[in-house]
Amino acid sequence: FGVDPSAVAVAAAPVQAAAEEKTSATVVLKDAGSAKIQVIKAIRDITGLGLMEAKKLADEGGNVKENAPMDEANDIKAKLEEAGATVELA
């Protein structure tokens, strides 16, 4: 019939990749911003860390929560951004 079967396999790959949505994410604090005290309070509320651990995370940045469901990760990101932090989901 003149059809190359490899073209069908290549065309199906992007559709499959799009169907695989992320179900979890890691919330990464990039910068606490100028309102560091509010960010520390938000970190403590979210993670249950002590004051010193939350301050260290706010100062140095890093993972706030790993493998959080997408809904929870988006909520955490919104809370931290509201407090003045720069956050990304990885």
N, C-alpha and C. Protein backbone atom coordinates (compact mmCIF):
# COMPACT_ATOMS: atom_id res chain seq x y z
N PHE A 1 0.81 -1.21 0.00
CA PHE A 1 0.00 0.00 0.00
C PHE A 1 0.85 1.26 0.00
N GLY A 2 2.13 1.13 0.16
CA GLY A 2 3.02 2.28 0.10
C GLY A 2 3.06 3.08 1.39
N VAL A 3 2.71 2.47 2.52
CA VAL A 3 2.71 3.16 3.82
C VAL A 3 3.91 2.68 4.62
N ASP A 4 4.68 3.60 5.17
CA ASP A 4 5.84 3.27 5.97
C ASP A 4 5.39 3.04 7.42
N PRO A 5 5.52 1.83 7.96
CA PRO A 5 5.04 1.56 9.32
C PRO A 5 5.81 2.33 10.40
N SER A 6 7.03 2.78 10.14
CA SER A 6 7.78 3.53 11.15
C SER A 6 7.17 4.91 11.37
N ALA A 7 6.51 5.47 10.37
CA ALA A 7 5.88 6.78 10.51
C ALA A 7 4.73 6.73 11.51
N VAL A 8 4.03 5.64 11.57
CA VAL A 8 2.92 5.48 12.51
C VAL A 8 3.45 5.41 13.94
N ALA A 9 4.54 4.69 14.16
CA ALA A 9 5.12 4.57 15.50
C ALA A 9 5.65 5.91 15.99
N VAL A 10 6.24 6.69 15.13
CA VAL A 10 6.77 8.00 15.51
C VAL A 10 5.64 8.96 15.82
N ALA A 11 4.56 8.90 15.09
CA ALA A 11 3.43 9.80 15.31
C ALA A 11 2.71 9.46 16.61
N ALA A 12 2.71 8.22 17.04
CA ALA A 12 2.02 7.82 18.26
C ALA A 12 2.78 8.22 19.52
N ALA A 13 4.08 8.39 19.45
CA ALA A 13 4.89 8.70 20.63
C ALA A 13 4.51 10.02 21.28
N PRO A 14 4.35 11.14 20.57
CA PRO A 14 3.98 12.40 21.24
C PRO A 14 2.61 12.34 21.91
N VAL A 15 1.69 11.60 21.35
CA VAL A 15 0.35 11.48 21.95
C VAL A 15 0.46 10.76 23.28
N GLN A 16 1.27 9.74 23.35
CA GLN A 16 1.44 9.00 24.59
C GLN A 16 2.10 9.87 25.66
N ALA A 17 3.09 10.66 25.28
CA ALA A 17 3.78 11.52 26.24
C ALA A 17 2.83 12.58 26.79
N ALA A 18 1.95 13.10 25.98
CA ALA A 18 1.00 14.11 26.43
C ALA A 18 -0.02 13.52 27.39
N ALA A 19 -0.33 12.24 27.22
CA ALA A 19 -1.32 11.59 28.08
C ALA A 19 -0.77 11.35 29.49
N GLU A 20 0.56 11.28 29.63
CA GLU A 20 1.17 11.03 30.93
C GLU A 20 1.34 12.34 31.68
N GLU A 21 0.32 12.74 32.44
CA GLU A 21 0.40 13.97 33.22
C GLU A 21 1.18 13.72 34.49
N LYS A 22 1.80 14.77 34.98
CA LYS A 22 2.50 14.67 36.25
C LYS A 22 1.46 14.55 37.36
N THR A 23 1.65 13.59 38.24
CA THR A 23 0.73 13.42 39.35
C THR A 23 1.32 13.92 40.66
N SER A 24 2.64 14.13 40.66
CA SER A 24 3.28 14.65 41.87
C SER A 24 4.41 15.58 41.47
N ALA A 25 4.81 16.42 42.42
CA ALA A 25 5.88 17.37 42.15
C ALA A 25 6.63 17.67 43.44
N THR A 26 7.83 18.17 43.29
CA THR A 26 8.62 18.63 44.41
C THR A 26 8.56 20.14 44.44
N VAL A 27 8.20 20.70 45.60
CA VAL A 27 8.11 22.14 45.77
C VAL A 27 9.49 22.64 46.18
N VAL A 28 10.08 23.51 45.35
CA VAL A 28 11.44 24.00 45.58
C VAL A 28 11.40 25.50 45.85
N LEU A 29 11.92 25.90 47.01
CA LEU A 29 12.03 27.31 47.37
C LEU A 29 13.30 27.86 46.74
N LYS A 30 13.14 28.85 45.87
CA LYS A 30 14.29 29.46 45.20
C LYS A 30 14.81 30.67 45.98
N ASP A 31 13.89 31.50 46.48
CA ASP A 31 14.29 32.72 47.18
C ASP A 31 13.18 33.11 48.15
N ALA A 32 13.56 33.49 49.35
CA ALA A 32 12.57 33.88 50.35
C ALA A 32 12.06 35.30 50.13
N GLY A 33 12.77 36.09 49.36
CA GLY A 33 12.34 37.45 49.10
C GLY A 33 12.60 38.37 50.28
N SER A 34 11.97 39.52 50.26
CA SER A 34 12.22 40.52 51.30
C SER A 34 11.41 40.27 52.57
N ALA A 35 10.32 39.51 52.46
CA ALA A 35 9.46 39.22 53.62
C ALA A 35 9.81 37.84 54.19
N LYS A 36 11.07 37.71 54.61
CA LYS A 36 11.57 36.41 55.04
C LYS A 36 10.83 35.86 56.26
N ILE A 37 10.39 36.72 57.16
CA ILE A 37 9.70 36.25 58.37
C ILE A 37 8.39 35.57 58.00
N GLN A 38 7.64 36.15 57.05
CA GLN A 38 6.38 35.54 56.63
C GLN A 38 6.64 34.21 55.92
N VAL A 39 7.72 34.14 55.16
CA VAL A 39 8.06 32.90 54.47
C VAL A 39 8.44 31.82 55.49
N ILE A 40 9.19 32.19 56.51
CA ILE A 40 9.56 31.23 57.56
C ILE A 40 8.30 30.71 58.26
N LYS A 41 7.37 31.60 58.56
CA LYS A 41 6.10 31.17 59.18
C LYS A 41 5.34 30.22 58.28
N ALA A 42 5.30 30.52 56.98
CA ALA A 42 4.60 29.65 56.04
C ALA A 42 5.28 28.28 55.95
N ILE A 43 6.61 28.26 55.94
CA ILE A 43 7.35 26.99 55.89
C ILE A 43 7.04 26.16 57.13
N ARG A 44 7.02 26.81 58.29
CA ARG A 44 6.72 26.10 59.54
C ARG A 44 5.31 25.52 59.51
N ASP A 45 4.35 26.30 59.00
CA ASP A 45 2.97 25.81 58.93
C ASP A 45 2.85 24.62 57.98
N ILE A 46 3.54 24.69 56.86
CA ILE A 46 3.43 23.66 55.84
C ILE A 46 4.15 22.38 56.25
N THR A 47 5.37 22.52 56.78
CA THR A 47 6.22 21.35 57.01
C THR A 47 6.24 20.86 58.45
N GLY A 48 5.93 21.74 59.40
CA GLY A 48 6.05 21.35 60.80
C GLY A 48 7.48 21.43 61.32
N LEU A 49 8.37 22.05 60.55
CA LEU A 49 9.76 22.20 60.99
C LEU A 49 9.86 23.18 62.14
N GLY A 50 10.95 23.08 62.89
CA GLY A 50 11.23 24.03 63.95
C GLY A 50 11.70 25.34 63.37
N LEU A 51 11.83 26.33 64.22
CA LEU A 51 12.20 27.67 63.78
C LEU A 51 13.56 27.69 63.08
N MET A 52 14.55 27.04 63.64
CA MET A 52 15.89 27.06 63.07
C MET A 52 15.93 26.35 61.70
N GLU A 53 15.25 25.20 61.59
CA GLU A 53 15.23 24.47 60.33
C GLU A 53 14.50 25.27 59.25
N ALA A 54 13.38 25.90 59.62
CA ALA A 54 12.62 26.71 58.66
C ALA A 54 13.44 27.93 58.23
N LYS A 55 14.16 28.54 59.17
CA LYS A 55 15.00 29.70 58.83
C LYS A 55 16.12 29.29 57.89
N LYS A 56 16.73 28.14 58.15
CA LYS A 56 17.80 27.64 57.28
C LYS A 56 17.27 27.38 55.87
N LEU A 57 16.09 26.79 55.76
CA LEU A 57 15.49 26.54 54.46
C LEU A 57 15.18 27.85 53.74
N ALA A 58 14.69 28.84 54.48
CA ALA A 58 14.40 30.15 53.88
C ALA A 58 15.69 30.84 53.43
N ASP A 59 16.74 30.71 54.20
CA ASP A 59 18.02 31.35 53.86
C ASP A 59 18.70 30.69 52.66
N GLU A 60 18.72 29.36 52.66
CA GLU A 60 19.49 28.63 51.66
C GLU A 60 18.66 28.16 50.48
N GLY A 61 17.33 28.09 50.65
CA GLY A 61 16.47 27.54 49.61
C GLY A 61 16.54 26.02 49.63
N GLY A 62 15.78 25.39 48.78
CA GLY A 62 15.79 23.93 48.71
C GLY A 62 14.38 23.37 48.65
N ASN A 63 14.30 22.05 48.81
CA ASN A 63 13.03 21.36 48.71
C ASN A 63 12.19 21.59 49.97
N VAL A 64 11.00 22.11 49.76
CA VAL A 64 10.06 22.29 50.87
C VAL A 64 9.31 20.99 51.09
N LYS A 65 8.84 20.38 50.01
CA LYS A 65 8.14 19.10 50.10
C LYS A 65 8.40 18.33 48.82
N GLU A 66 8.76 17.05 48.98
CA GLU A 66 9.06 16.20 47.83
C GLU A 66 7.90 15.27 47.54
N ASN A 67 7.69 15.00 46.27
CA ASN A 67 6.67 14.07 45.79
C ASN A 67 5.28 14.36 46.34
N ALA A 68 4.93 15.62 46.40
CA ALA A 68 3.60 16.02 46.85
C ALA A 68 2.62 15.87 45.69
N PRO A 69 1.39 15.45 45.95
CA PRO A 69 0.39 15.41 44.88
C PRO A 69 0.25 16.81 44.27
N MET A 70 -0.08 16.88 43.00
CA MET A 70 -0.11 18.16 42.28
C MET A 70 -1.00 19.20 42.95
N ASP A 71 -2.16 18.79 43.45
CA ASP A 71 -3.06 19.74 44.13
C ASP A 71 -2.37 20.34 45.35
N GLU A 72 -1.77 19.48 46.16
CA GLU A 72 -1.08 19.93 47.37
C GLU A 72 0.13 20.80 47.01
N ALA A 73 0.88 20.39 45.99
CA ALA A 73 2.05 21.15 45.56
C ALA A 73 1.66 22.56 45.10
N ASN A 74 0.55 22.66 44.36
CA ASN A 74 0.09 23.97 43.91
C ASN A 74 -0.38 24.83 45.08
N ASP A 75 -1.02 24.20 46.08
CA ASP A 75 -1.45 24.94 47.28
C ASP A 75 -0.24 25.47 48.05
N ILE A 76 0.79 24.63 48.23
CA ILE A 76 1.99 25.04 48.94
C ILE A 76 2.68 26.18 48.19
N LYS A 77 2.76 26.03 46.87
CA LYS A 77 3.39 27.07 46.06
C LYS A 77 2.65 28.39 46.23
N ALA A 78 1.32 28.34 46.21
CA ALA A 78 0.51 29.56 46.34
C ALA A 78 0.73 30.21 47.71
N LYS A 79 0.78 29.40 48.77
CA LYS A 79 0.99 29.94 50.12
C LYS A 79 2.35 30.63 50.24
N LEU A 80 3.37 29.99 49.72
CA LEU A 80 4.72 30.55 49.80
C LEU A 80 4.86 31.81 48.94
N GLU A 81 4.25 31.80 47.76
CA GLU A 81 4.31 32.99 46.91
C GLU A 81 3.53 34.14 47.52
N GLU A 82 2.44 33.82 48.19
CA GLU A 82 1.66 34.85 48.88
C GLU A 82 2.49 35.49 50.00
N ALA A 83 3.34 34.69 50.62
CA ALA A 83 4.20 35.19 51.68
C ALA A 83 5.38 35.99 51.12
N GLY A 84 5.62 35.90 49.80
CA GLY A 84 6.69 36.69 49.19
C GLY A 84 7.85 35.89 48.64
N ALA A 85 7.74 34.56 48.64
CA ALA A 85 8.84 33.71 48.18
C ALA A 85 8.75 33.46 46.68
N THR A 86 9.89 33.06 46.12
CA THR A 86 9.94 32.59 44.75
C THR A 86 10.03 31.07 44.80
N VAL A 87 9.05 30.40 44.16
CA VAL A 87 8.93 28.95 44.28
C VAL A 87 8.75 28.36 42.89
N GLU A 88 9.25 27.13 42.70
CA GLU A 88 8.99 26.41 41.47
C GLU A 88 8.66 24.97 41.79
N LEU A 89 7.96 24.33 40.86
CA LEU A 89 7.62 22.92 41.00
C LEU A 89 8.54 22.12 40.08
N ALA A 90 9.16 21.11 40.64
CA ALA A 90 10.06 20.27 39.84
C ALA A 90 9.51 18.86 39.73
